[in-house]
């Protein structure tokens, strides 16, 4: 978010009134951006499962992934574009993530 502010790109963050409470919202363009935790959203390679209570954590993460899909579907049905990033990518490839958002914003202009 700091990088968006540095580039003087207007956005809102953690908007309660939008389903899923997106991390970044471009209201006028109807773009919702989510930054998914590698653990909580179950990245296939970077999610390291705890060694205890495996069934609980597997169900919890699977539920989070189902919820993500429901949120995506609902937002898209209401005319929103949804962009999702993994936290690792935001931390390590911020320019690539920013560019993806900028491309989304440019497409929304037309």
Protein backbone atom coordinates (compact mmCIF):
# COMPACT_ATOMS: atom_id res chain seq x y z
CA UNK A 1 0.00 0.00 0.00
CA UNK A 2 2.93 2.25 0.67
CA UNK A 3 4.07 1.80 -2.91
CA UNK A 4 0.64 2.81 -4.25
CA UNK A 5 0.72 5.96 -2.12
CA UNK A 6 4.25 6.73 -3.28
CA UNK A 7 3.02 6.54 -6.88
CA UNK A 8 0.05 8.76 -5.97
CA UNK A 9 -2.53 6.10 -6.88
CA UNK A 10 -5.81 6.70 -5.05
CA UNK A 11 -7.37 3.70 -3.30
CA UNK A 12 -9.31 2.69 -0.22
CA UNK A 13 -8.27 -0.14 2.06
CA UNK A 14 -10.14 -2.74 4.11
CA UNK A 15 -13.60 -1.58 3.04
CA UNK A 16 -16.13 -3.26 5.35
CA UNK A 17 -19.09 -2.57 3.07
CA UNK A 18 -17.67 -4.69 0.22
CA UNK A 19 -18.04 -8.45 0.51
CA UNK A 20 -14.80 -10.13 1.54
CA UNK A 21 -13.39 -6.86 2.93
CA UNK A 22 -10.75 -6.40 0.19
CA UNK A 23 -7.29 -5.20 1.19
CA UNK A 24 -7.27 -2.58 -1.58
CA UNK A 25 -10.27 -1.13 -3.41
CA UNK A 26 -10.48 1.09 -6.46
CA UNK A 27 -14.13 2.08 -6.05
CA UNK A 28 -14.62 4.07 -9.23
CA UNK A 29 -13.17 1.27 -11.35
CA UNK A 30 -14.86 -1.47 -9.28
CA UNK A 31 -11.63 -3.37 -8.68
CA UNK A 32 -11.11 -5.33 -5.47
CA UNK A 33 -7.60 -6.51 -4.56
CA UNK A 34 -6.92 -9.23 -2.00
CA UNK A 35 -3.54 -10.13 -0.55
CA UNK A 36 -3.77 -13.75 0.55
CA UNK A 37 -1.57 -15.16 3.27
CA UNK A 38 0.42 -18.16 2.10
CA UNK A 39 -0.62 -20.07 5.23
CA UNK A 40 -4.23 -18.99 5.81
CA UNK A 41 -5.19 -19.36 2.15
CA UNK A 42 -3.19 -22.54 1.56
CA UNK A 43 -0.51 -21.80 -1.02
CA UNK A 44 0.33 -25.17 -2.55
CA UNK A 45 4.09 -24.87 -1.99
CA UNK A 46 4.59 -22.26 0.73
CA UNK A 47 1.89 -23.31 3.20
CA UNK A 48 3.65 -25.19 5.98
CA UNK A 49 1.09 -27.17 7.93
CA UNK A 50 1.48 -27.39 11.70
CA UNK A 51 2.49 -30.80 12.96
CA UNK A 52 -0.38 -30.93 15.45
CA UNK A 53 -4.12 -30.76 14.95
CA UNK A 54 -3.66 -31.41 11.22
CA UNK A 55 -7.33 -32.18 10.55
CA UNK A 56 -8.44 -28.87 12.09
CA UNK A 57 -5.94 -26.83 10.06
CA UNK A 58 -6.67 -28.68 6.83
CA UNK A 59 -10.40 -28.02 7.23
CA UNK A 60 -9.80 -24.40 8.23
CA UNK A 61 -7.62 -23.65 5.21
CA UNK A 62 -9.97 -25.52 2.84
CA UNK A 63 -12.83 -23.41 4.23
CA UNK A 64 -10.85 -20.22 3.63
CA UNK A 65 -10.22 -21.26 0.02
CA UNK A 66 -13.93 -22.02 -0.51
CA UNK A 67 -14.81 -18.64 0.99
CA UNK A 68 -12.34 -16.94 -1.39
CA UNK A 69 -14.08 -18.55 -4.37
CA UNK A 70 -17.51 -17.48 -3.09
CA UNK A 71 -16.29 -13.91 -2.59
CA UNK A 72 -14.78 -13.85 -6.10
CA UNK A 73 -18.00 -15.15 -7.65
CA UNK A 74 -20.19 -12.70 -5.74
CA UNK A 75 -18.05 -9.68 -6.57
CA UNK A 76 -17.83 -10.63 -10.26
CA UNK A 77 -21.61 -11.07 -10.42
CA UNK A 78 -21.91 -7.51 -9.11
CA UNK A 79 -19.61 -6.10 -11.78
CA UNK A 80 -16.34 -6.07 -9.84
CA UNK A 81 -12.96 -7.18 -11.14
CA UNK A 82 -11.07 -9.25 -8.56
CA UNK A 83 -7.29 -9.36 -8.34
CA UNK A 84 -5.58 -11.69 -5.86
CA UNK A 85 -1.93 -11.77 -4.84
CA UNK A 86 -0.02 -14.05 -2.54
CA UNK A 87 1.69 -12.29 0.38
CA UNK A 88 5.06 -13.70 -0.74
CA UNK A 89 4.67 -12.06 -4.15
CA UNK A 90 3.71 -8.70 -2.63
CA UNK A 91 6.78 -8.83 -0.37
CA UNK A 92 9.21 -10.03 -3.04
CA UNK A 93 7.82 -8.82 -6.38
CA UNK A 94 5.98 -5.61 -5.53
CA UNK A 95 6.63 -4.00 -8.93
CA UNK A 96 5.04 -6.95 -10.72
CA UNK A 97 1.99 -6.72 -8.43
CA UNK A 98 1.69 -2.95 -8.90
CA UNK A 99 1.90 -3.36 -12.67
CA UNK A 100 -0.88 -5.95 -12.62
CA UNK A 101 -3.09 -3.50 -10.70
CA UNK A 102 -2.21 -0.69 -13.12
CA UNK A 103 -3.12 -2.88 -16.10
CA UNK A 104 -6.46 -3.61 -14.40
CA UNK A 105 -7.04 0.10 -13.84
CA UNK A 106 -6.21 0.94 -17.46
CA UNK A 107 -8.59 -1.72 -18.78
CA UNK A 108 -11.33 -0.38 -16.50
CA UNK A 109 -10.97 3.07 -18.07
CA UNK A 110 -12.22 1.85 -21.46
